[in-house]
Amino acid sequence: MKVIRYIKELEDEFGKPLDKWAVYEEKITANGSWAIHLKDAKIVKTFPSPYHARNWMENDGKRTY
């Protein structure tokens, strides 16, 4: 099972940006399809800027706890 992580700005229920960024995680299912819909993606952590999110994803996000 492969995991893909990506960064996306969080929005409120009306689609307005919240000035917060999240690292999302999606997994390939057993039949090989991606979790395409956002509801299937899991928020790993939120950040105040895309810079902080990218830094965490490239460094701390690779560590296992």
PDB file of N, CA and C in Angstrom:
ATOM      1  N   MET A   1       0.848  -1.176   0.000  1.00  0.00           N
ATOM      2  CA  MET A   1       0.000   0.000   0.000  1.00  0.00           C
ATOM      3  C   MET A   1       0.892   1.238   0.000  1.00  0.00           C
ATOM      4  N   LYS A   2       0.750   2.056  -1.018  1.00  0.00           N
ATOM      5  CA  LYS A   2       1.558   3.259  -1.167  1.00  0.00           C
ATOM      6  C   LYS A   2       0.804   4.468  -0.617  1.00  0.00           C
ATOM      7  N   VAL A   3       1.552   5.422  -0.065  1.00  0.00           N
ATOM      8  CA  VAL A   3       0.960   6.631   0.505  1.00  0.00           C
ATOM      9  C   VAL A   3       1.483   7.839  -0.256  1.00  0.00           C
ATOM     10  N   ILE A   4       0.589   8.769  -0.546  1.00  0.00           N
ATOM     11  CA  ILE A   4       0.995  10.038  -1.150  1.00  0.00           C
ATOM     12  C   ILE A   4       0.577  11.155  -0.206  1.00  0.00           C
ATOM     13  N   ARG A   5       1.449  12.106  -0.018  1.00  0.00           N
ATOM     14  CA  ARG A   5       1.153  13.266   0.829  1.00  0.00           C
ATOM     15  C   ARG A   5       1.197  14.515  -0.021  1.00  0.00           C
ATOM     16  N   TYR A   6       0.300  15.446   0.265  1.00  0.00           N
ATOM     17  CA  TYR A   6       0.276  16.707  -0.465  1.00  0.00           C
ATOM     18  C   TYR A   6      -0.228  17.812   0.444  1.00  0.00           C
ATOM     19  N   ILE A   7       0.027  19.057   0.039  1.00  0.00           N
ATOM     20  CA  ILE A   7      -0.327  20.232   0.837  1.00  0.00           C
ATOM     21  C   ILE A   7      -1.484  20.957   0.155  1.00  0.00           C
ATOM     22  N   LYS A   8      -2.443  21.383   0.952  1.00  0.00           N
ATOM     23  CA  LYS A   8      -3.590  22.123   0.427  1.00  0.00           C
ATOM     24  C   LYS A   8      -4.029  23.142   1.459  1.00  0.00           C
ATOM     25  N   GLU A   9      -4.442  24.312   0.985  1.00  0.00           N
ATOM     26  CA  GLU A   9      -4.943  25.340   1.897  1.00  0.00           C
ATOM     27  C   GLU A   9      -6.332  24.941   2.390  1.00  0.00           C
ATOM     28  N   LEU A  10      -6.556  25.109   3.687  1.00  0.00           N
ATOM     29  CA  LEU A  10      -7.859  24.792   4.261  1.00  0.00           C
ATOM     30  C   LEU A  10      -8.869  25.878   3.914  1.00  0.00           C
ATOM     31  N   GLU A  11     -10.124  25.471   3.736  1.00  0.00           N
ATOM     32  CA  GLU A  11     -11.198  26.402   3.412  1.00  0.00           C
ATOM     33  C   GLU A  11     -12.354  26.196   4.372  1.00  0.00           C
ATOM     34  N   ASP A  12     -13.153  27.257   4.540  1.00  0.00           N
ATOM     35  CA  ASP A  12     -14.351  27.104   5.357  1.00  0.00           C
ATOM     36  C   ASP A  12     -15.458  26.467   4.510  1.00  0.00           C
ATOM     37  N   GLU A  13     -16.651  26.341   5.072  1.00  0.00           N
ATOM     38  CA  GLU A  13     -17.730  25.661   4.353  1.00  0.00           C
ATOM     39  C   GLU A  13     -18.211  26.425   3.120  1.00  0.00           C
ATOM     40  N   PHE A  14     -17.830  27.692   2.980  1.00  0.00           N
ATOM     41  CA  PHE A  14     -18.218  28.491   1.822  1.00  0.00           C
ATOM     42  C   PHE A  14     -17.101  28.591   0.787  1.00  0.00           C
ATOM     43  N   GLY A  15     -15.985  27.930   1.030  1.00  0.00           N
ATOM     44  CA  GLY A  15     -14.875  27.939   0.089  1.00  0.00           C
ATOM     45  C   GLY A  15     -13.895  29.080   0.262  1.00  0.00           C
ATOM     46  N   LYS A  16     -14.032  29.857   1.341  1.00  0.00           N
ATOM     47  CA  LYS A  16     -13.090  30.953   1.591  1.00  0.00           C
ATOM     48  C   LYS A  16     -11.841  30.401   2.279  1.00  0.00           C
ATOM     49  N   PRO A  17     -10.643  30.849   1.881  1.00  0.00           N
ATOM     50  CA  PRO A  17      -9.404  30.373   2.508  1.00  0.00           C
ATOM     51  C   PRO A  17      -9.337  30.752   3.985  1.00  0.00           C
ATOM     52  N   LEU A  18      -8.771  29.866   4.788  1.00  0.00           N
ATOM     53  CA  LEU A  18      -8.647  30.093   6.229  1.00  0.00           C
ATOM     54  C   LEU A  18      -7.243  30.510   6.650  1.00  0.00           C
ATOM     55  N   ASP A  19      -6.333  30.709   5.690  1.00  0.00           N
ATOM     56  CA  ASP A  19      -4.936  31.040   5.984  1.00  0.00           C
ATOM     57  C   ASP A  19      -4.278  29.978   6.853  1.00  0.00           C
ATOM     58  N   LYS A  20      -4.699  28.749   6.697  1.00  0.00           N
ATOM     59  CA  LYS A  20      -4.059  27.596   7.330  1.00  0.00           C
ATOM     60  C   LYS A  20      -3.850  26.555   6.249  1.00  0.00           C
ATOM     61  N   TRP A  21      -2.781  25.815   6.389  1.00  0.00           N
ATOM     62  CA  TRP A  21      -2.430  24.804   5.399  1.00  0.00           C
ATOM     63  C   TRP A  21      -2.369  23.450   6.079  1.00  0.00           C
ATOM     64  N   ALA A  22      -2.716  22.409   5.347  1.00  0.00           N
ATOM     65  CA  ALA A  22      -2.725  21.065   5.910  1.00  0.00           C
ATOM     66  C   ALA A  22      -1.935  20.123   5.017  1.00  0.00           C
ATOM     67  N   VAL A  23      -1.297  19.148   5.648  1.00  0.00           N
ATOM     68  CA  VAL A  23      -0.684  18.055   4.915  1.00  0.00           C
ATOM     69  C   VAL A  23      -1.707  16.927   4.914  1.00  0.00           C
ATOM     70  N   TYR A  24      -2.109  16.518   3.723  1.00  0.00           N
ATOM     71  CA  TYR A  24      -3.070  15.431   3.562  1.00  0.00           C
ATOM     72  C   TYR A  24      -2.337  14.152   3.203  1.00  0.00           C
ATOM     73  N   GLU A  25      -2.945  13.035   3.505  1.00  0.00           N
ATOM     74  CA  GLU A  25      -2.372  11.732   3.197  1.00  0.00           C
ATOM     75  C   GLU A  25      -3.444  10.866   2.556  1.00  0.00           C
ATOM     76  N   GLU A  26      -3.115  10.286   1.414  1.00  0.00           N
ATOM     77  CA  GLU A  26      -4.014   9.353   0.744  1.00  0.00           C
ATOM     78  C   GLU A  26      -3.273   8.047   0.514  1.00  0.00           C
ATOM     79  N   LYS A  27      -3.996   6.953   0.512  1.00  0.00           N
ATOM     80  CA  LYS A  27      -3.395   5.642   0.297  1.00  0.00           C
ATOM     81  C   LYS A  27      -3.999   4.991  -0.942  1.00  0.00           C
ATOM     82  N   ILE A  28      -3.181   4.204  -1.634  1.00  0.00           N
ATOM     83  CA  ILE A  28      -3.694   3.403  -2.736  1.00  0.00           C
ATOM     84  C   ILE A  28      -4.423   2.222  -2.111  1.00  0.00           C
ATOM     85  N   THR A  29      -5.625   1.973  -2.589  1.00  0.00           N
ATOM     86  CA  THR A  29      -6.404   0.855  -2.051  1.00  0.00           C
ATOM     87  C   THR A  29      -5.900  -0.460  -2.636  1.00  0.00           C
ATOM     88  N   ALA A  30      -6.439  -1.542  -2.145  1.00  0.00           N
ATOM     89  CA  ALA A  30      -5.998  -2.871  -2.569  1.00  0.00           C
ATOM     90  C   ALA A  30      -6.200  -3.097  -4.067  1.00  0.00           C
ATOM     91  N   ASN A  31      -7.229  -2.486  -4.646  1.00  0.00           N
ATOM     92  CA  ASN A  31      -7.469  -2.682  -6.080  1.00  0.00           C
ATOM     93  C   ASN A  31      -6.688  -1.693  -6.949  1.00  0.00           C
ATOM     94  N   GLY A  32      -5.858  -0.856  -6.342  1.00  0.00           N
ATOM     95  CA  GLY A  32      -4.979   0.036  -7.090  1.00  0.00           C
ATOM     96  C   GLY A  32      -5.529   1.415  -7.380  1.00  0.00           C
ATOM     97  N   SER A  33      -6.729   1.722  -6.917  1.00  0.00           N
ATOM     98  CA  SER A  33      -7.288   3.048  -7.174  1.00  0.00           C
ATOM     99  C   SER A  33      -6.901   4.006  -6.054  1.00  0.00           C
ATOM    100  N   TRP A  34      -6.848   5.290  -6.379  1.00  0.00           N
ATOM    101  CA  TRP A  34      -6.503   6.307  -5.389  1.00  0.00           C
ATOM    102  C   TRP A  34      -7.747   6.746  -4.645  1.00  0.00           C
ATOM    103  N   ALA A  35      -7.551   7.210  -3.428  1.00  0.00           N
ATOM    104  CA  ALA A  35      -8.640   7.846  -2.683  1.00  0.00           C
ATOM    105  C   ALA A  35      -8.783   9.240  -3.271  1.00  0.00           C
ATOM    106  N   ILE A  36      -9.633   9.371  -4.267  1.00  0.00           N
ATOM    107  CA  ILE A  36      -9.697  10.592  -5.063  1.00  0.00           C
ATOM    108  C   ILE A  36     -10.396  11.722  -4.324  1.00  0.00           C
ATOM    109  N   HIS A  37     -11.452  11.425  -3.624  1.00  0.00           N
ATOM    110  CA  HIS A  37     -12.241  12.463  -2.979  1.00  0.00           C
ATOM    111  C   HIS A  37     -11.577  12.939  -1.700  1.00  0.00           C
ATOM    112  N   LEU A  38     -11.705  14.230  -1.430  1.00  0.00           N
ATOM    113  CA  LEU A  38     -11.079  14.828  -0.256  1.00  0.00           C
ATOM    114  C   LEU A  38     -11.564  14.175   1.031  1.00  0.00           C
ATOM    115  N   LYS A  39     -12.818  13.698   1.049  1.00  0.00           N
ATOM    116  CA  LYS A  39     -13.335  13.055   2.254  1.00  0.00           C
ATOM    117  C   LYS A  39     -12.570  11.772   2.576  1.00  0.00           C
ATOM    118  N   ASP A  40     -11.935  11.167   1.567  1.00  0.00           N
ATOM    119  CA  ASP A  40     -11.154   9.952   1.778  1.00  0.00           C
ATOM    120  C   ASP A  40      -9.733  10.254   2.230  1.00  0.00           C
ATOM    121  N   ALA A  41      -9.303  11.503   2.078  1.00  0.00           N
ATOM    122  CA  ALA A  41      -7.957  11.894   2.489  1.00  0.00           C
ATOM    123  C   ALA A  41      -7.959  12.208   3.981  1.00  0.00           C
ATOM    124  N   LYS A  42      -6.827  11.964   4.601  1.00  0.00           N
ATOM    125  CA  LYS A  42      -6.686  12.187   6.040  1.00  0.00           C
ATOM    126  C   LYS A  42      -5.753  13.374   6.267  1.00  0.00           C
ATOM    127  N   ILE A  43      -6.163  14.316   7.122  1.00  0.00           N
ATOM    128  CA  ILE A  43      -5.280  15.430   7.480  1.00  0.00           C
ATOM    129  C   ILE A  43      -4.280  14.917   8.509  1.00  0.00           C
ATOM    130  N   VAL A  44      -3.005  15.032   8.188  1.00  0.00           N
ATOM    131  CA  VAL A  44      -1.952  14.578   9.094  1.00  0.00           C
ATOM    132  C   VAL A  44      -1.625  15.660  10.107  1.00  0.00           C
ATOM    133  N   LYS A  45      -1.487  16.908   9.633  1.00  0.00           N
ATOM    134  CA  LYS A  45      -1.116  18.020  10.507  1.00  0.00           C
ATOM    135  C   LYS A  45      -1.448  19.331   9.805  1.00  0.00           C
ATOM    136  N   THR A  46      -1.728  20.399  10.586  1.00  0.00           N
ATOM    137  CA  THR A  46      -1.996  21.715   9.999  1.00  0.00           C
ATOM    138  C   THR A  46      -0.870  22.684  10.343  1.00  0.00           C
ATOM    139  N   PHE A  47      -0.705  23.710   9.483  1.00  0.00           N
ATOM    140  CA  PHE A  47       0.399  24.655   9.614  1.00  0.00           C
ATOM    141  C   PHE A  47      -0.062  26.062   9.269  1.00  0.00           C
ATOM    142  N   PRO A  48       0.682  27.105   9.745  1.00  0.00           N
ATOM    143  CA  PRO A  48       0.308  28.488   9.458  1.00  0.00           C
ATOM    144  C   PRO A  48       0.699  28.955   8.056  1.00  0.00           C
ATOM    145  N   SER A  49       1.567  28.220   7.363  1.00  0.00           N
ATOM    146  CA  SER A  49       1.991  28.637   6.024  1.00  0.00           C
ATOM    147  C   SER A  49       2.378  27.411   5.202  1.00  0.00           C
ATOM    148  N   PRO A  50       2.369  27.545   3.870  1.00  0.00           N
ATOM    149  CA  PRO A  50       2.787  26.417   3.038  1.00  0.00           C
ATOM    150  C   PRO A  50       4.268  26.090   3.226  1.00  0.00           C
ATOM    151  N   TYR A  51       5.072  27.087   3.586  1.00  0.00           N
ATOM    152  CA  TYR A  51       6.496  26.849   3.840  1.00  0.00           C
ATOM    153  C   TYR A  51       6.675  25.881   5.006  1.00  0.00           C
ATOM    154  N   HIS A  52       5.944  26.125   6.106  1.00  0.00           N
ATOM    155  CA  HIS A  52       6.040  25.246   7.266  1.00  0.00           C
ATOM    156  C   HIS A  52       5.559  23.837   6.925  1.00  0.00           C
ATOM    157  N   ALA A  53       4.495  23.751   6.152  1.00  0.00           N
ATOM    158  CA  ALA A  53       3.953  22.443   5.769  1.00  0.00           C
ATOM    159  C   ALA A  53       4.953  21.668   4.922  1.00  0.00           C
ATOM    160  N   ARG A  54       5.552  22.332   3.940  1.00  0.00           N
ATOM    161  CA  ARG A  54       6.528  21.670   3.065  1.00  0.00           C
ATOM    162  C   ARG A  54       7.752  21.223   3.865  1.00  0.00           C
ATOM    163  N   ASN A  55       8.221  22.075   4.772  1.00  0.00           N
ATOM    164  CA  ASN A  55       9.378  21.740   5.590  1.00  0.00           C
ATOM    165  C   ASN A  55       9.099  20.502   6.444  1.00  0.00           C
ATOM    166  N   TRP A  56       7.922  20.452   7.065  1.00  0.00           N
ATOM    167  CA  TRP A  56       7.567  19.294   7.888  1.00  0.00           C
ATOM    168  C   TRP A  56       7.468  18.040   7.033  1.00  0.00           C
ATOM    169  N   MET A  57       6.830  18.169   5.867  1.00  0.00           N
ATOM    170  CA  MET A  57       6.630  17.014   5.003  1.00  0.00           C
ATOM    171  C   MET A  57       7.967  16.454   4.518  1.00  0.00           C
ATOM    172  N   GLU A  58       8.920  17.324   4.226  1.00  0.00           N
ATOM    173  CA  GLU A  58      10.210  16.874   3.715  1.00  0.00           C
ATOM    174  C   GLU A  58      11.137  16.362   4.809  1.00  0.00           C
ATOM    175  N   ASN A  59      10.937  16.785   6.051  1.00  0.00           N
ATOM    176  CA  ASN A  59      11.842  16.395   7.131  1.00  0.00           C
ATOM    177  C   ASN A  59      11.152  15.547   8.196  1.00  0.00           C
ATOM    178  N   ASP A  60      10.371  16.172   9.055  1.00  0.00           N
ATOM    179  CA  ASP A  60       9.750  15.479  10.178  1.00  0.00           C
ATOM    180  C   ASP A  60       8.713  14.457   9.747  1.00  0.00           C
ATOM    181  N   GLY A  61       8.058  14.683   8.632  1.00  0.00           N
ATOM    182  CA  GLY A  61       7.013  13.771   8.183  1.00  0.00           C
ATOM    183  C   GLY A  61       7.522  12.399   7.796  1.00  0.00           C
ATOM    184  N   LYS A  62       8.818  12.283   7.534  1.00  0.00           N
ATOM    185  CA  LYS A  62       9.388  10.995   7.146  1.00  0.00           C
ATOM    186  C   LYS A  62       9.740  10.130   8.344  1.00  0.00           C
ATOM    187  N   ARG A  63       9.765  10.741   9.512  1.00  0.00           N
ATOM    188  CA  ARG A  63      10.120   9.990  10.711  1.00  0.00           C
ATOM    189  C   ARG A  63       8.931   9.186  11.200  1.00  0.00           C
ATOM    190  N   THR A  64       9.191   8.039  11.741  1.00  0.00           N
ATOM    191  CA  THR A  64       8.113   7.248  12.344  1.00  0.00           C
ATOM    192  C   THR A  64       8.176   7.423  13.843  1.00  0.00           C
ATOM    193  N   TYR A  65       7.035   7.487  14.463  1.00  0.00           N
ATOM    194  CA  TYR A  65       6.972   7.720  15.902  1.00  0.00           C
ATOM    195  C   TYR A  65       6.503   6.485  16.612  1.00  0.00           C
TER     196      TYR A  65
END
